[in-house]
N, C-alpha and C. Protein backbone atom coordinates (compact mmCIF):
# COMPACT_ATOMS: atom_id res chain seq x y z
N GLN A 1 -17.32 -2.58 -10.81
CA GLN A 1 -16.98 -2.18 -9.51
C GLN A 1 -15.92 -3.08 -8.99
N VAL A 2 -14.89 -2.47 -8.38
CA VAL A 2 -13.74 -3.25 -7.83
C VAL A 2 -13.75 -3.09 -6.32
N GLN A 3 -13.60 -4.13 -5.58
CA GLN A 3 -13.47 -4.01 -4.13
C GLN A 3 -12.05 -4.41 -3.83
N LEU A 4 -11.44 -3.64 -2.88
CA LEU A 4 -10.07 -3.82 -2.48
C LEU A 4 -10.05 -4.12 -1.00
N VAL A 5 -9.32 -5.14 -0.58
CA VAL A 5 -9.25 -5.51 0.82
C VAL A 5 -7.79 -5.63 1.25
N GLU A 6 -7.43 -4.80 2.15
CA GLU A 6 -6.05 -4.81 2.70
C GLU A 6 -5.89 -5.81 3.82
N SER A 7 -4.74 -6.29 4.01
CA SER A 7 -4.42 -7.14 5.11
C SER A 7 -2.92 -7.07 5.39
N GLY A 8 -2.53 -7.55 6.57
CA GLY A 8 -1.08 -7.59 6.91
C GLY A 8 -0.58 -6.54 7.86
N GLY A 9 -1.45 -5.65 8.29
CA GLY A 9 -1.03 -4.59 9.20
C GLY A 9 -0.90 -5.21 10.59
N GLY A 10 -0.38 -4.43 11.50
CA GLY A 10 -0.25 -4.88 12.88
C GLY A 10 0.74 -4.05 13.70
N LEU A 11 1.13 -4.56 14.80
CA LEU A 11 2.08 -3.88 15.66
C LEU A 11 3.46 -4.53 15.46
N VAL A 12 4.46 -3.64 15.32
CA VAL A 12 5.82 -4.17 15.15
C VAL A 12 6.79 -3.21 15.85
N GLN A 13 7.89 -3.69 16.25
CA GLN A 13 8.93 -2.86 16.87
C GLN A 13 9.69 -2.13 15.77
N ALA A 14 10.26 -1.00 16.11
CA ALA A 14 11.11 -0.26 15.20
C ALA A 14 12.22 -1.18 14.71
N GLY A 15 12.46 -1.06 13.41
CA GLY A 15 13.45 -1.92 12.75
C GLY A 15 12.88 -3.18 12.12
N GLY A 16 11.61 -3.47 12.50
CA GLY A 16 11.00 -4.71 12.00
C GLY A 16 10.41 -4.54 10.64
N SER A 17 9.68 -5.57 10.16
CA SER A 17 9.17 -5.58 8.86
C SER A 17 7.71 -6.07 8.88
N LEU A 18 6.98 -5.60 7.93
CA LEU A 18 5.63 -6.06 7.65
C LEU A 18 5.42 -6.12 6.14
N ARG A 19 4.45 -6.99 5.77
CA ARG A 19 4.13 -7.12 4.32
C ARG A 19 2.64 -6.90 4.20
N LEU A 20 2.23 -5.88 3.60
CA LEU A 20 0.86 -5.63 3.36
C LEU A 20 0.39 -6.20 2.02
N SER A 21 -0.88 -6.65 2.04
CA SER A 21 -1.41 -7.21 0.79
C SER A 21 -2.71 -6.45 0.46
N CYS A 22 -2.98 -6.30 -0.77
CA CYS A 22 -4.23 -5.70 -1.26
C CYS A 22 -4.87 -6.68 -2.23
N ALA A 23 -5.98 -7.30 -1.84
CA ALA A 23 -6.63 -8.25 -2.77
C ALA A 23 -7.81 -7.58 -3.41
N ALA A 24 -7.88 -7.74 -4.75
CA ALA A 24 -8.97 -7.13 -5.53
C ALA A 24 -9.99 -8.16 -5.86
N SER A 25 -11.22 -7.74 -5.98
CA SER A 25 -12.33 -8.63 -6.23
C SER A 25 -12.32 -9.15 -7.63
N GLY A 26 -11.60 -8.48 -8.52
CA GLY A 26 -11.55 -8.98 -9.86
C GLY A 26 -10.16 -8.81 -10.47
N SER A 27 -10.05 -8.91 -11.76
CA SER A 27 -8.78 -8.77 -12.38
C SER A 27 -8.15 -7.37 -12.19
N ILE A 28 -6.92 -7.36 -11.88
CA ILE A 28 -6.24 -6.05 -11.62
C ILE A 28 -5.48 -5.60 -12.86
N PHE A 29 -5.60 -6.40 -13.89
CA PHE A 29 -4.76 -6.13 -15.16
C PHE A 29 -5.02 -4.77 -15.65
N ARG A 30 -6.28 -4.31 -15.62
CA ARG A 30 -6.61 -3.03 -16.20
C ARG A 30 -6.46 -1.85 -15.17
N LEU A 31 -6.16 -2.19 -13.96
CA LEU A 31 -6.06 -1.12 -12.87
C LEU A 31 -4.68 -0.50 -13.01
N ASN A 32 -4.68 0.78 -13.30
CA ASN A 32 -3.42 1.38 -13.64
C ASN A 32 -3.49 2.90 -13.29
N PRO A 33 -2.71 3.42 -12.29
CA PRO A 33 -1.83 2.57 -11.48
C PRO A 33 -2.61 2.07 -10.27
N MET A 34 -1.85 1.25 -9.49
CA MET A 34 -2.29 0.82 -8.22
C MET A 34 -1.20 1.39 -7.22
N GLY A 35 -1.71 1.64 -5.95
CA GLY A 35 -0.77 2.20 -5.03
C GLY A 35 -1.18 2.06 -3.62
N TRP A 36 -0.22 2.52 -2.74
CA TRP A 36 -0.48 2.49 -1.28
C TRP A 36 -0.38 3.96 -0.80
N TYR A 37 -1.32 4.27 0.04
CA TYR A 37 -1.35 5.62 0.66
C TYR A 37 -1.41 5.31 2.20
N ARG A 38 -1.08 6.41 2.97
CA ARG A 38 -1.22 6.23 4.39
C ARG A 38 -1.68 7.56 5.00
N GLN A 39 -2.32 7.38 6.14
CA GLN A 39 -2.77 8.53 6.88
C GLN A 39 -2.56 8.39 8.38
N ALA A 40 -1.73 9.28 8.89
CA ALA A 40 -1.42 9.24 10.34
C ALA A 40 -2.42 10.22 11.01
N PRO A 41 -2.64 9.97 12.34
CA PRO A 41 -3.58 10.82 13.08
C PRO A 41 -3.24 12.26 12.92
N GLY A 42 -4.23 13.10 12.60
CA GLY A 42 -4.03 14.51 12.50
C GLY A 42 -3.29 14.94 11.24
N LYS A 43 -3.02 14.04 10.32
CA LYS A 43 -2.29 14.42 9.09
C LYS A 43 -3.13 14.04 7.88
N GLN A 44 -2.73 14.66 6.75
CA GLN A 44 -3.39 14.38 5.53
C GLN A 44 -2.91 13.01 4.95
N ARG A 45 -3.77 12.43 4.15
CA ARG A 45 -3.33 11.18 3.55
C ARG A 45 -2.19 11.47 2.57
N GLU A 46 -1.23 10.62 2.49
CA GLU A 46 -0.12 10.82 1.65
C GLU A 46 0.19 9.58 0.82
N ARG A 47 0.70 9.80 -0.36
CA ARG A 47 1.08 8.68 -1.22
C ARG A 47 2.39 8.08 -0.74
N VAL A 48 2.43 6.80 -0.67
CA VAL A 48 3.61 6.05 -0.25
C VAL A 48 4.36 5.43 -1.43
N ALA A 49 3.57 4.73 -2.29
CA ALA A 49 4.20 4.14 -3.46
C ALA A 49 3.13 3.74 -4.40
N THR A 50 3.49 3.76 -5.71
CA THR A 50 2.52 3.33 -6.74
C THR A 50 3.25 2.41 -7.76
N ILE A 51 2.49 1.67 -8.49
CA ILE A 51 2.98 0.82 -9.53
C ILE A 51 2.04 0.71 -10.66
N THR A 52 2.59 0.87 -11.89
CA THR A 52 1.74 0.80 -13.06
C THR A 52 1.60 -0.71 -13.53
N SER A 53 0.73 -0.83 -14.48
CA SER A 53 0.49 -2.18 -15.02
C SER A 53 1.74 -2.70 -15.65
N GLY A 54 2.62 -1.80 -16.15
CA GLY A 54 3.88 -2.19 -16.78
C GLY A 54 5.06 -2.37 -15.74
N GLY A 55 4.70 -2.09 -14.48
CA GLY A 55 5.76 -2.32 -13.46
C GLY A 55 6.55 -1.17 -13.08
N THR A 56 6.25 0.01 -13.65
CA THR A 56 6.93 1.29 -13.22
C THR A 56 6.49 1.63 -11.81
N THR A 57 7.50 1.96 -11.04
CA THR A 57 7.21 2.27 -9.57
C THR A 57 7.53 3.67 -9.21
N TYR A 58 6.85 4.15 -8.25
CA TYR A 58 7.17 5.41 -7.60
C TYR A 58 7.22 5.20 -6.08
N TYR A 59 8.16 5.91 -5.43
CA TYR A 59 8.19 5.85 -4.00
C TYR A 59 8.37 7.30 -3.39
N SER A 60 7.65 7.50 -2.28
CA SER A 60 7.91 8.78 -1.65
C SER A 60 9.30 8.75 -1.09
N ASP A 61 9.80 9.90 -0.69
CA ASP A 61 11.16 9.97 -0.15
C ASP A 61 11.28 9.16 1.12
N SER A 62 10.19 9.08 1.92
CA SER A 62 10.29 8.36 3.22
C SER A 62 10.29 6.89 2.97
N ALA A 63 9.74 6.41 1.78
CA ALA A 63 9.70 5.01 1.58
C ALA A 63 10.89 4.42 0.75
N LYS A 64 11.54 5.33 0.04
CA LYS A 64 12.66 4.87 -0.79
C LYS A 64 13.75 4.14 0.05
N GLY A 65 14.09 2.96 -0.50
CA GLY A 65 15.15 2.18 0.14
C GLY A 65 14.67 1.26 1.24
N ARG A 66 13.43 1.41 1.66
CA ARG A 66 12.94 0.66 2.76
C ARG A 66 11.68 -0.18 2.35
N PHE A 67 10.85 0.39 1.47
CA PHE A 67 9.62 -0.27 1.02
C PHE A 67 9.72 -0.71 -0.39
N THR A 68 9.06 -1.81 -0.67
CA THR A 68 8.99 -2.33 -2.08
C THR A 68 7.57 -2.64 -2.43
N ILE A 69 7.12 -2.05 -3.54
CA ILE A 69 5.73 -2.33 -4.02
C ILE A 69 5.79 -3.32 -5.16
N SER A 70 4.86 -4.21 -5.18
CA SER A 70 4.80 -5.21 -6.26
C SER A 70 3.29 -5.61 -6.53
N ARG A 71 3.08 -6.15 -7.66
CA ARG A 71 1.74 -6.68 -7.94
C ARG A 71 1.87 -7.97 -8.69
N ASP A 72 0.92 -8.84 -8.40
CA ASP A 72 0.78 -10.10 -9.01
C ASP A 72 -0.51 -10.17 -9.74
N ASN A 73 -0.53 -9.93 -11.04
CA ASN A 73 -1.81 -9.88 -11.78
C ASN A 73 -2.47 -11.23 -11.74
N ALA A 74 -1.73 -12.31 -11.69
CA ALA A 74 -2.37 -13.70 -11.75
C ALA A 74 -3.17 -13.85 -10.44
N LYS A 75 -2.76 -13.27 -9.40
CA LYS A 75 -3.41 -13.43 -8.06
C LYS A 75 -4.28 -12.23 -7.73
N ASN A 76 -4.37 -11.28 -8.59
CA ASN A 76 -5.16 -10.08 -8.39
C ASN A 76 -4.82 -9.38 -7.04
N THR A 77 -3.54 -9.32 -6.72
CA THR A 77 -3.07 -8.84 -5.48
C THR A 77 -1.86 -7.91 -5.69
N MET A 78 -1.84 -6.86 -4.86
CA MET A 78 -0.72 -5.99 -4.78
C MET A 78 -0.11 -6.02 -3.39
N TYR A 79 1.17 -5.78 -3.30
CA TYR A 79 1.84 -5.95 -2.03
C TYR A 79 2.64 -4.71 -1.69
N LEU A 80 2.97 -4.54 -0.40
CA LEU A 80 3.93 -3.54 0.05
C LEU A 80 4.76 -4.15 1.08
N GLN A 81 5.96 -4.43 0.78
CA GLN A 81 6.96 -4.98 1.70
C GLN A 81 7.63 -3.77 2.44
N MET A 82 7.53 -3.76 3.71
CA MET A 82 8.00 -2.64 4.47
C MET A 82 9.11 -3.15 5.41
N ASN A 83 10.33 -2.66 5.23
CA ASN A 83 11.44 -3.06 6.09
C ASN A 83 11.98 -1.84 6.85
N SER A 84 12.75 -2.11 7.83
CA SER A 84 13.38 -1.01 8.64
C SER A 84 12.29 -0.01 9.11
N LEU A 85 11.24 -0.51 9.63
CA LEU A 85 10.09 0.34 9.97
C LEU A 85 10.51 1.32 11.16
N LYS A 86 9.94 2.50 11.09
CA LYS A 86 10.19 3.56 12.02
C LYS A 86 8.87 3.96 12.74
N PRO A 87 8.92 4.50 13.93
CA PRO A 87 7.66 4.99 14.55
C PRO A 87 6.89 5.93 13.68
N GLU A 88 7.58 6.74 12.89
CA GLU A 88 6.85 7.67 12.04
C GLU A 88 6.17 7.03 10.90
N ASP A 89 6.33 5.72 10.73
CA ASP A 89 5.53 4.99 9.69
C ASP A 89 4.18 4.58 10.22
N THR A 90 3.92 4.84 11.44
CA THR A 90 2.65 4.47 12.08
C THR A 90 1.55 5.20 11.37
N ALA A 91 0.55 4.57 10.86
CA ALA A 91 -0.58 5.15 10.10
C ALA A 91 -1.49 4.04 9.74
N VAL A 92 -2.67 4.44 9.19
CA VAL A 92 -3.54 3.54 8.46
C VAL A 92 -3.11 3.50 7.02
N TYR A 93 -2.87 2.35 6.52
CA TYR A 93 -2.39 2.22 5.10
C TYR A 93 -3.55 1.77 4.28
N TYR A 94 -3.74 2.50 3.16
CA TYR A 94 -4.83 2.29 2.25
C TYR A 94 -4.33 1.78 0.87
N CYS A 95 -5.03 0.89 0.32
CA CYS A 95 -4.80 0.50 -1.08
C CYS A 95 -5.66 1.29 -1.97
N ASN A 96 -5.08 1.67 -3.13
CA ASN A 96 -5.78 2.48 -4.16
C ASN A 96 -5.54 1.88 -5.52
N ALA A 97 -6.63 1.88 -6.32
CA ALA A 97 -6.50 1.43 -7.68
C ALA A 97 -7.32 2.33 -8.58
N GLN A 98 -6.79 2.63 -9.76
CA GLN A 98 -7.44 3.54 -10.65
C GLN A 98 -7.68 2.89 -12.02
N THR A 99 -8.81 3.15 -12.52
CA THR A 99 -9.09 2.88 -13.93
C THR A 99 -10.06 3.94 -14.42
N PRO A 100 -9.46 5.03 -14.93
CA PRO A 100 -10.20 6.26 -15.25
C PRO A 100 -11.50 6.03 -15.95
N PRO A 101 -12.57 6.66 -15.45
CA PRO A 101 -12.63 7.75 -14.43
C PRO A 101 -12.83 7.23 -13.01
N PHE A 102 -12.65 5.94 -12.82
CA PHE A 102 -12.91 5.42 -11.46
C PHE A 102 -11.65 5.33 -10.58
N ASP A 103 -11.93 5.52 -9.30
CA ASP A 103 -10.89 5.58 -8.31
C ASP A 103 -11.34 4.76 -7.09
N TYR A 104 -10.64 3.61 -6.83
CA TYR A 104 -11.09 2.72 -5.82
C TYR A 104 -10.22 2.71 -4.58
N TRP A 105 -10.77 2.55 -3.39
CA TRP A 105 -10.05 2.53 -2.15
C TRP A 105 -10.41 1.32 -1.28
N GLY A 106 -9.48 0.80 -0.59
CA GLY A 106 -9.80 -0.21 0.41
C GLY A 106 -10.15 0.50 1.76
N GLN A 107 -10.43 -0.38 2.70
CA GLN A 107 -10.89 0.18 4.07
C GLN A 107 -9.77 0.53 4.92
N GLY A 108 -8.52 0.14 4.58
CA GLY A 108 -7.44 0.43 5.40
C GLY A 108 -6.98 -0.61 6.34
N THR A 109 -5.69 -0.60 6.62
CA THR A 109 -5.10 -1.56 7.63
C THR A 109 -4.21 -0.76 8.45
N GLN A 110 -4.27 -0.92 9.81
CA GLN A 110 -3.45 -0.14 10.74
C GLN A 110 -2.06 -0.74 10.88
N VAL A 111 -1.09 0.09 10.77
CA VAL A 111 0.27 -0.27 11.04
C VAL A 111 0.78 0.60 12.17
N THR A 112 1.29 -0.02 13.27
CA THR A 112 1.75 0.69 14.40
C THR A 112 3.19 0.17 14.66
N VAL A 113 4.11 1.16 14.72
CA VAL A 113 5.54 0.86 14.97
C VAL A 113 5.95 1.43 16.27
N SER A 114 6.31 0.58 17.19
CA SER A 114 6.69 1.04 18.55
C SER A 114 8.17 1.25 18.61
N SER A 115 8.52 2.25 19.48
CA SER A 115 9.95 2.63 19.52
C SER A 115 10.66 1.76 20.66
């Protein structure tokens, strides 16, 4: 069983930056892929970015060029650096990790971007 805990959310003005962290209860080496998802009020959860154990990344169109996903296996932590934030980035951000057939989720961290 893997537990994921997100941190780093908060309130920021448009154009600002935040760095989200996802700390795992154990080794993340076998978790593949790991990723960040978000859910805004009244909307479905959407994939923001993912990263494989080999470092291959995926970004949604809205995240490309502004967000950077990374993972530190030694620290059992994944990150999401978010720059040039926009009001439409406001959502609860969730950490996800997969090791088939298991799929783990964190409790979420709120990101609010004011205009």
